[in-house]
Amino acid sequence: MAVEGVQPARLIRDEDPWSFRRAHVRVWRTASDRVVVVISGRAAEDDLETVLPLLRGEYPDDSVDFFFHRPMDWAAPAYYAELTTNGDGTVTRTHLAGDTLAARLGPDLYATEDPDDPSPGWGGA
């Protein structure tokens, strides 16, 4: 799934869900100086203010766009959100359809989702 006029994204990192603060971290290079980071996992949801600066520091020469994927469980539906760091260090989540992000990143988004996520491929709204 491609978006006209957008350079294809290339998956450059797909980290074990348990090795980075119990989050599944995936990174796509979308331009020579731009990356998109998708953080997945219920455990990471409450620690985004700590995790985002650490990940931003790993890509010091790039513009970094952050997104979060919360897998579905018995208590809550899955969702995707764009993450924005505010001046005070808090993080704002703006929900978006998984297909919107998949159009930007390509089929690797769904192909690398957590195997224990029982939500439909589109990842919620």
C-alpha atoms as a PDB file:
ATOM      1  CA  MET A   1       0.000   0.000   0.000  1.00  0.00           C
ATOM      2  CA  ALA A   2       1.728   3.184  -1.146  1.00  0.00           C
ATOM      3  CA  VAL A   3       0.852   6.837  -1.040  1.00  0.00           C
ATOM      4  CA  GLU A   4       1.465   8.746  -4.255  1.00  0.00           C
ATOM      5  CA  GLY A   5       4.474  11.045  -4.060  1.00  0.00           C
ATOM      6  CA  VAL A   6       5.782   9.457  -0.853  1.00  0.00           C
ATOM      7  CA  GLN A   7       9.132   7.679  -0.846  1.00  0.00           C
ATOM      8  CA  PRO A   8       8.758   4.043   0.246  1.00  0.00           C
ATOM      9  CA  ALA A   9       9.652   3.481   3.882  1.00  0.00           C
ATOM     10  CA  ARG A  10      12.350   0.969   4.787  1.00  0.00           C
ATOM     11  CA  LEU A  11      12.164  -0.971   8.056  1.00  0.00           C
ATOM     12  CA  ILE A  12      15.554  -0.522   9.776  1.00  0.00           C
ATOM     13  CA  ARG A  13      14.768  -1.803  13.268  1.00  0.00           C
ATOM     14  CA  ASP A  14      12.425  -4.413  14.691  1.00  0.00           C
ATOM     15  CA  GLU A  15      13.354  -4.912  18.306  1.00  0.00           C
ATOM     16  CA  ASP A  16      12.298  -7.789  20.514  1.00  0.00           C
ATOM     17  CA  PRO A  17       9.215  -6.696  22.465  1.00  0.00           C
ATOM     18  CA  TRP A  18      10.854  -7.473  25.807  1.00  0.00           C
ATOM     19  CA  SER A  19      14.272  -5.892  25.387  1.00  0.00           C
ATOM     20  CA  PHE A  20      13.455  -2.150  25.487  1.00  0.00           C
ATOM     21  CA  ARG A  21      11.367  -1.271  28.530  1.00  0.00           C
ATOM     22  CA  ARG A  22       9.015  -4.092  27.579  1.00  0.00           C
ATOM     23  CA  ALA A  23       8.063  -2.342  24.378  1.00  0.00           C
ATOM     24  CA  HIS A  24       8.186  -3.499  20.801  1.00  0.00           C
ATOM     25  CA  VAL A  25      10.155  -0.830  18.945  1.00  0.00           C
ATOM     26  CA  ARG A  26      10.094  -0.612  15.153  1.00  0.00           C
ATOM     27  CA  VAL A  27      11.797   2.101  13.103  1.00  0.00           C
ATOM     28  CA  TRP A  28      11.333   2.983   9.444  1.00  0.00           C
ATOM     29  CA  ARG A  29      13.588   5.256   7.410  1.00  0.00           C
ATOM     30  CA  THR A  30      11.254   7.406   5.337  1.00  0.00           C
ATOM     31  CA  ALA A  31      13.883   9.834   3.978  1.00  0.00           C
ATOM     32  CA  SER A  32      17.638  10.278   4.278  1.00  0.00           C
ATOM     33  CA  ASP A  33      17.135  12.502   7.349  1.00  0.00           C
ATOM     34  CA  ARG A  34      13.799  11.240   8.728  1.00  0.00           C
ATOM     35  CA  VAL A  35      12.664   8.184  10.685  1.00  0.00           C
ATOM     36  CA  VAL A  36       9.325   6.985  11.994  1.00  0.00           C
ATOM     37  CA  VAL A  37       9.314   5.140  15.319  1.00  0.00           C
ATOM     38  CA  VAL A  38       6.381   2.916  16.285  1.00  0.00           C
ATOM     39  CA  ILE A  39       6.297   1.796  19.917  1.00  0.00           C
ATOM     40  CA  SER A  40       3.927  -1.072  20.711  1.00  0.00           C
ATOM     41  CA  GLY A  41       2.918  -2.623  23.971  1.00  0.00           C
ATOM     42  CA  ARG A  42       0.661  -2.242  26.961  1.00  0.00           C
ATOM     43  CA  ALA A  43       3.603  -1.894  29.375  1.00  0.00           C
ATOM     44  CA  ALA A  44       5.130   0.999  27.406  1.00  0.00           C
ATOM     45  CA  GLU A  45       1.909   3.005  27.345  1.00  0.00           C
ATOM     46  CA  ASP A  46       2.481   4.604  30.745  1.00  0.00           C
ATOM     47  CA  ASP A  47       6.197   5.250  30.205  1.00  0.00           C
ATOM     48  CA  LEU A  48       6.193   7.227  26.950  1.00  0.00           C
ATOM     49  CA  GLU A  49       7.563  10.401  28.589  1.00  0.00           C
ATOM     50  CA  THR A  50      10.699   8.421  29.465  1.00  0.00           C
ATOM     51  CA  VAL A  51      10.971   6.311  26.316  1.00  0.00           C
ATOM     52  CA  LEU A  52      10.597   9.030  23.655  1.00  0.00           C
ATOM     53  CA  PRO A  53      13.662  11.098  24.674  1.00  0.00           C
ATOM     54  CA  LEU A  54      15.768   7.926  24.844  1.00  0.00           C
ATOM     55  CA  LEU A  55      14.722   6.877  21.349  1.00  0.00           C
ATOM     56  CA  ARG A  56      15.098  10.409  19.967  1.00  0.00           C
ATOM     57  CA  GLY A  57      18.679  10.350  21.281  1.00  0.00           C
ATOM     58  CA  GLU A  58      19.395   7.240  19.210  1.00  0.00           C
ATOM     59  CA  TYR A  59      18.692   9.194  16.004  1.00  0.00           C
ATOM     60  CA  PRO A  60      20.362  12.572  16.680  1.00  0.00           C
ATOM     61  CA  ASP A  61      20.811  13.511  13.011  1.00  0.00           C
ATOM     62  CA  ASP A  62      17.238  12.711  11.997  1.00  0.00           C
ATOM     63  CA  SER A  63      13.781  14.203  12.330  1.00  0.00           C
ATOM     64  CA  VAL A  64      11.815  11.635  14.318  1.00  0.00           C
ATOM     65  CA  ASP A  65       8.063  11.022  14.146  1.00  0.00           C
ATOM     66  CA  PHE A  66       6.629   8.883  16.943  1.00  0.00           C
ATOM     67  CA  PHE A  67       3.585   6.647  16.947  1.00  0.00           C
ATOM     68  CA  PHE A  68       2.161   4.257  19.521  1.00  0.00           C
ATOM     69  CA  HIS A  69       0.273   0.994  19.020  1.00  0.00           C
ATOM     70  CA  ARG A  70      -1.662  -0.434  21.912  1.00  0.00           C
ATOM     71  CA  PRO A  71      -2.532  -4.083  21.250  1.00  0.00           C
ATOM     72  CA  MET A  72      -6.035  -5.254  22.062  1.00  0.00           C
ATOM     73  CA  ASP A  73      -6.702  -7.172  25.261  1.00  0.00           C
ATOM     74  CA  TRP A  74      -9.748  -8.285  27.237  1.00  0.00           C
ATOM     75  CA  ALA A  75     -10.150  -4.840  28.835  1.00  0.00           C
ATOM     76  CA  ALA A  76      -9.519  -2.423  25.978  1.00  0.00           C
ATOM     77  CA  PRO A  77      -9.538  -2.193  22.186  1.00  0.00           C
ATOM     78  CA  ALA A  78      -6.404  -1.709  20.142  1.00  0.00           C
ATOM     79  CA  TYR A  79      -5.480   1.699  18.858  1.00  0.00           C
ATOM     80  CA  TYR A  80      -2.775   3.635  17.024  1.00  0.00           C
ATOM     81  CA  ALA A  81      -1.814   7.172  17.985  1.00  0.00           C
ATOM     82  CA  GLU A  82       0.579   9.834  16.783  1.00  0.00           C
ATOM     83  CA  LEU A  83       2.736  11.028  19.688  1.00  0.00           C
ATOM     84  CA  THR A  84       3.716  14.644  20.257  1.00  0.00           C
ATOM     85  CA  THR A  85       6.063  15.760  23.020  1.00  0.00           C
ATOM     86  CA  ASN A  86       4.896  18.974  24.684  1.00  0.00           C
ATOM     87  CA  GLY A  87       7.138  21.693  26.101  1.00  0.00           C
ATOM     88  CA  ASP A  88       6.713  20.343  29.632  1.00  0.00           C
ATOM     89  CA  GLY A  89       7.795  16.818  28.600  1.00  0.00           C
ATOM     90  CA  THR A  90       4.323  15.296  28.613  1.00  0.00           C
ATOM     91  CA  VAL A  91       3.185  13.340  25.579  1.00  0.00           C
ATOM     92  CA  THR A  92      -0.057  13.933  23.695  1.00  0.00           C
ATOM     93  CA  ARG A  93      -1.666  11.030  21.836  1.00  0.00           C
ATOM     94  CA  THR A  94      -3.732  11.717  18.736  1.00  0.00           C
ATOM     95  CA  HIS A  95      -5.599   8.579  17.716  1.00  0.00           C
ATOM     96  CA  LEU A  96      -5.522   7.538  14.077  1.00  0.00           C
ATOM     97  CA  ALA A  97      -6.564   4.532  12.036  1.00  0.00           C
ATOM     98  CA  GLY A  98      -3.872   1.918  11.596  1.00  0.00           C
ATOM     99  CA  ASP A  99      -4.498   1.970   7.856  1.00  0.00           C
ATOM    100  CA  THR A 100      -3.463   5.647   7.771  1.00  0.00           C
ATOM    101  CA  LEU A 101      -0.076   4.752   9.234  1.00  0.00           C
ATOM    102  CA  ALA A 102       0.184   1.613   7.086  1.00  0.00           C
ATOM    103  CA  ALA A 103      -0.297   3.732   3.960  1.00  0.00           C
ATOM    104  CA  ARG A 104       2.755   5.725   5.020  1.00  0.00           C
ATOM    105  CA  LEU A 105       4.975   2.832   6.132  1.00  0.00           C
ATOM    106  CA  GLY A 106       3.855  -0.049   3.949  1.00  0.00           C
ATOM    107  CA  PRO A 107       3.048  -3.689   4.669  1.00  0.00           C
ATOM    108  CA  ASP A 108       5.868  -4.048   7.229  1.00  0.00           C
ATOM    109  CA  LEU A 109       3.650  -2.254   9.776  1.00  0.00           C
ATOM    110  CA  TYR A 110       1.191  -5.130   9.995  1.00  0.00           C
ATOM    111  CA  ALA A 111       3.701  -7.856   9.159  1.00  0.00           C
ATOM    112  CA  THR A 112       5.766  -6.975  12.238  1.00  0.00           C
ATOM    113  CA  GLU A 113       2.927  -6.477  14.743  1.00  0.00           C
ATOM    114  CA  ASP A 114       3.169  -8.403  17.972  1.00  0.00           C
ATOM    115  CA  PRO A 115       2.190 -12.046  17.457  1.00  0.00           C
ATOM    116  CA  ASP A 116       0.111 -12.031  20.661  1.00  0.00           C
ATOM    117  CA  ASP A 117      -2.047  -9.111  19.481  1.00  0.00           C
ATOM    118  CA  PRO A 118      -5.457 -10.603  18.677  1.00  0.00           C
ATOM    119  CA  SER A 119      -6.804  -7.396  17.133  1.00  0.00           C
ATOM    120  CA  PRO A 120      -7.701  -7.265  13.445  1.00  0.00           C
ATOM    121  CA  GLY A 121      -4.882  -6.269  11.063  1.00  0.00           C
ATOM    122  CA  TRP A 122      -6.005  -2.678  10.794  1.00  0.00           C
ATOM    123  CA  GLY A 123      -5.042  -2.192  14.460  1.00  0.00           C
ATOM    124  CA  GLY A 124      -8.033  -0.240  15.649  1.00  0.00           C
ATOM    125  CA  ALA A 125      -9.065   3.319  15.063  1.00  0.00           C
END
